[in-house]
Structure formats: structure tokens, C-alpha cells
């Protein structure tokens, strides 16, 4: 599959493809590019320990809202 095909996929289709092709770097890149453009995207620095998540309450709240 080529990157051009990823551009024509819906986000749901791309996610489904990615779940079946987890080592496809082009698909991972396309997915990250697409979701980072979505509203509500939260960016945080790399974490050293799981406790570092406490420094990003906005991220934790988003994860909690979408994990139900």
C-alpha cells in the first residue's frame, strides 16, 4: 500500500489497516499525521517514568474520557 492510498482512507479505515499491519512504518506515520491534526490533540514531552504523567493532567483527562 502506498502513502497515496492512506490519504484516501477515512481515519477509521486507516486505523483498521494499521491494527492489521503494525510494522508498516508508512501507515504509522500517516496515522500519526492524521490524528495529530484532530482537535483536542495533546502534546507532551517524553516520559522518564509513569509518574511523569502526573505532570500532564490534560492528557490524563483525555485518556480517561475516551477509555470508557
C-alpha atoms as a PDB file:
ATOM      1  CA  UNK A   1       0.000   0.000   0.000  1.00  0.00           C
ATOM      2  CA  UNK A   2       1.317   3.434  -0.838  1.00  0.00           C
ATOM      3  CA  UNK A   3       1.019   6.675   1.135  1.00  0.00           C
ATOM      4  CA  UNK A   4      -1.372   7.960  -1.533  1.00  0.00           C
ATOM      5  CA  UNK A   5      -3.796   5.205  -0.570  1.00  0.00           C
ATOM      6  CA  UNK A   6      -3.586   6.207   3.088  1.00  0.00           C
ATOM      7  CA  UNK A   7      -4.614   9.731   2.180  1.00  0.00           C
ATOM      8  CA  UNK A   8      -7.860   8.477   0.674  1.00  0.00           C
ATOM      9  CA  UNK A   9      -8.752   6.297   3.666  1.00  0.00           C
ATOM     10  CA  UNK A  10     -11.013   7.522   6.424  1.00  0.00           C
ATOM     11  CA  UNK A  11      -9.375   7.681   9.827  1.00  0.00           C
ATOM     12  CA  UNK A  12     -11.344   4.591  10.841  1.00  0.00           C
ATOM     13  CA  UNK A  13     -10.173   2.670   7.754  1.00  0.00           C
ATOM     14  CA  UNK A  14      -6.578   3.723   8.361  1.00  0.00           C
ATOM     15  CA  UNK A  15      -6.782   2.630  11.994  1.00  0.00           C
ATOM     16  CA  UNK A  16      -8.192  -0.752  10.979  1.00  0.00           C
ATOM     17  CA  UNK A  17      -5.422  -1.202   8.407  1.00  0.00           C
ATOM     18  CA  UNK A  18      -2.783  -0.191  10.941  1.00  0.00           C
ATOM     19  CA  UNK A  19      -4.048  -2.675  13.520  1.00  0.00           C
ATOM     20  CA  UNK A  20      -3.513  -5.441  10.970  1.00  0.00           C
ATOM     21  CA  UNK A  21      -0.155  -4.104   9.744  1.00  0.00           C
ATOM     22  CA  UNK A  22       1.582  -2.809  12.854  1.00  0.00           C
ATOM     23  CA  UNK A  23       5.048  -2.870  11.307  1.00  0.00           C
ATOM     24  CA  UNK A  24       4.082  -0.716   8.300  1.00  0.00           C
ATOM     25  CA  UNK A  25       6.051   2.448   9.057  1.00  0.00           C
ATOM     26  CA  UNK A  26       4.289   4.433   6.317  1.00  0.00           C
ATOM     27  CA  UNK A  27       0.899   3.559   7.806  1.00  0.00           C
ATOM     28  CA  UNK A  28       2.058   4.511  11.311  1.00  0.00           C
ATOM     29  CA  UNK A  29       3.344   7.825  10.019  1.00  0.00           C
ATOM     30  CA  UNK A  30       0.134   8.524   8.079  1.00  0.00           C
ATOM     31  CA  UNK A  31      -1.984   7.680  11.136  1.00  0.00           C
ATOM     32  CA  UNK A  32       0.029   9.889  13.474  1.00  0.00           C
ATOM     33  CA  UNK A  33      -0.102  12.749  10.993  1.00  0.00           C
ATOM     34  CA  UNK A  34      -3.857  12.412  10.717  1.00  0.00           C
ATOM     35  CA  UNK A  35      -4.631  12.163  14.430  1.00  0.00           C
ATOM     36  CA  UNK A  36      -2.248  14.966  15.353  1.00  0.00           C
ATOM     37  CA  UNK A  37      -4.366  17.254  13.204  1.00  0.00           C
ATOM     38  CA  UNK A  38      -7.536  16.352  15.103  1.00  0.00           C
ATOM     39  CA  UNK A  39      -8.936  18.810  17.597  1.00  0.00           C
ATOM     40  CA  UNK A  40      -8.095  18.008  21.177  1.00  0.00           C
ATOM     41  CA  UNK A  41      -4.648  16.611  20.344  1.00  0.00           C
ATOM     42  CA  UNK A  42      -2.445  16.833  23.438  1.00  0.00           C
ATOM     43  CA  UNK A  43       1.332  17.004  23.109  1.00  0.00           C
ATOM     44  CA  UNK A  44       3.643  16.118  25.956  1.00  0.00           C
ATOM     45  CA  UNK A  45       7.348  15.531  26.340  1.00  0.00           C
ATOM     46  CA  UNK A  46       8.824  12.047  26.560  1.00  0.00           C
ATOM     47  CA  UNK A  47       8.286  10.488  29.959  1.00  0.00           C
ATOM     48  CA  UNK A  48      11.047   9.089  32.145  1.00  0.00           C
ATOM     49  CA  UNK A  49       8.704   7.221  34.476  1.00  0.00           C
ATOM     50  CA  UNK A  50       4.956   6.542  34.588  1.00  0.00           C
ATOM     51  CA  UNK A  51       4.768   9.051  37.448  1.00  0.00           C
ATOM     52  CA  UNK A  52       5.685  11.795  34.949  1.00  0.00           C
ATOM     53  CA  UNK A  53       2.125  11.506  33.612  1.00  0.00           C
ATOM     54  CA  UNK A  54       1.029  13.453  36.676  1.00  0.00           C
ATOM     55  CA  UNK A  55       2.631  16.491  35.018  1.00  0.00           C
ATOM     56  CA  UNK A  56       0.122  16.239  32.137  1.00  0.00           C
ATOM     57  CA  UNK A  57      -3.379  16.304  33.665  1.00  0.00           C
ATOM     58  CA  UNK A  58      -4.891  17.412  30.337  1.00  0.00           C
ATOM     59  CA  UNK A  59      -3.581  14.234  28.697  1.00  0.00           C
ATOM     60  CA  UNK A  60      -4.772  12.019  31.554  1.00  0.00           C
ATOM     61  CA  UNK A  61      -8.254  13.554  31.442  1.00  0.00           C
ATOM     62  CA  UNK A  62      -8.485  12.933  27.699  1.00  0.00           C
ATOM     63  CA  UNK A  63      -7.409   9.301  28.081  1.00  0.00           C
ATOM     64  CA  UNK A  64      -9.910   8.768  30.880  1.00  0.00           C
ATOM     65  CA  UNK A  65     -12.758  10.278  28.821  1.00  0.00           C
ATOM     66  CA  UNK A  66     -12.031   8.033  25.837  1.00  0.00           C
ATOM     67  CA  UNK A  67     -11.303   4.787  27.666  1.00  0.00           C
ATOM     68  CA  UNK A  68     -14.901   4.047  28.620  1.00  0.00           C
END
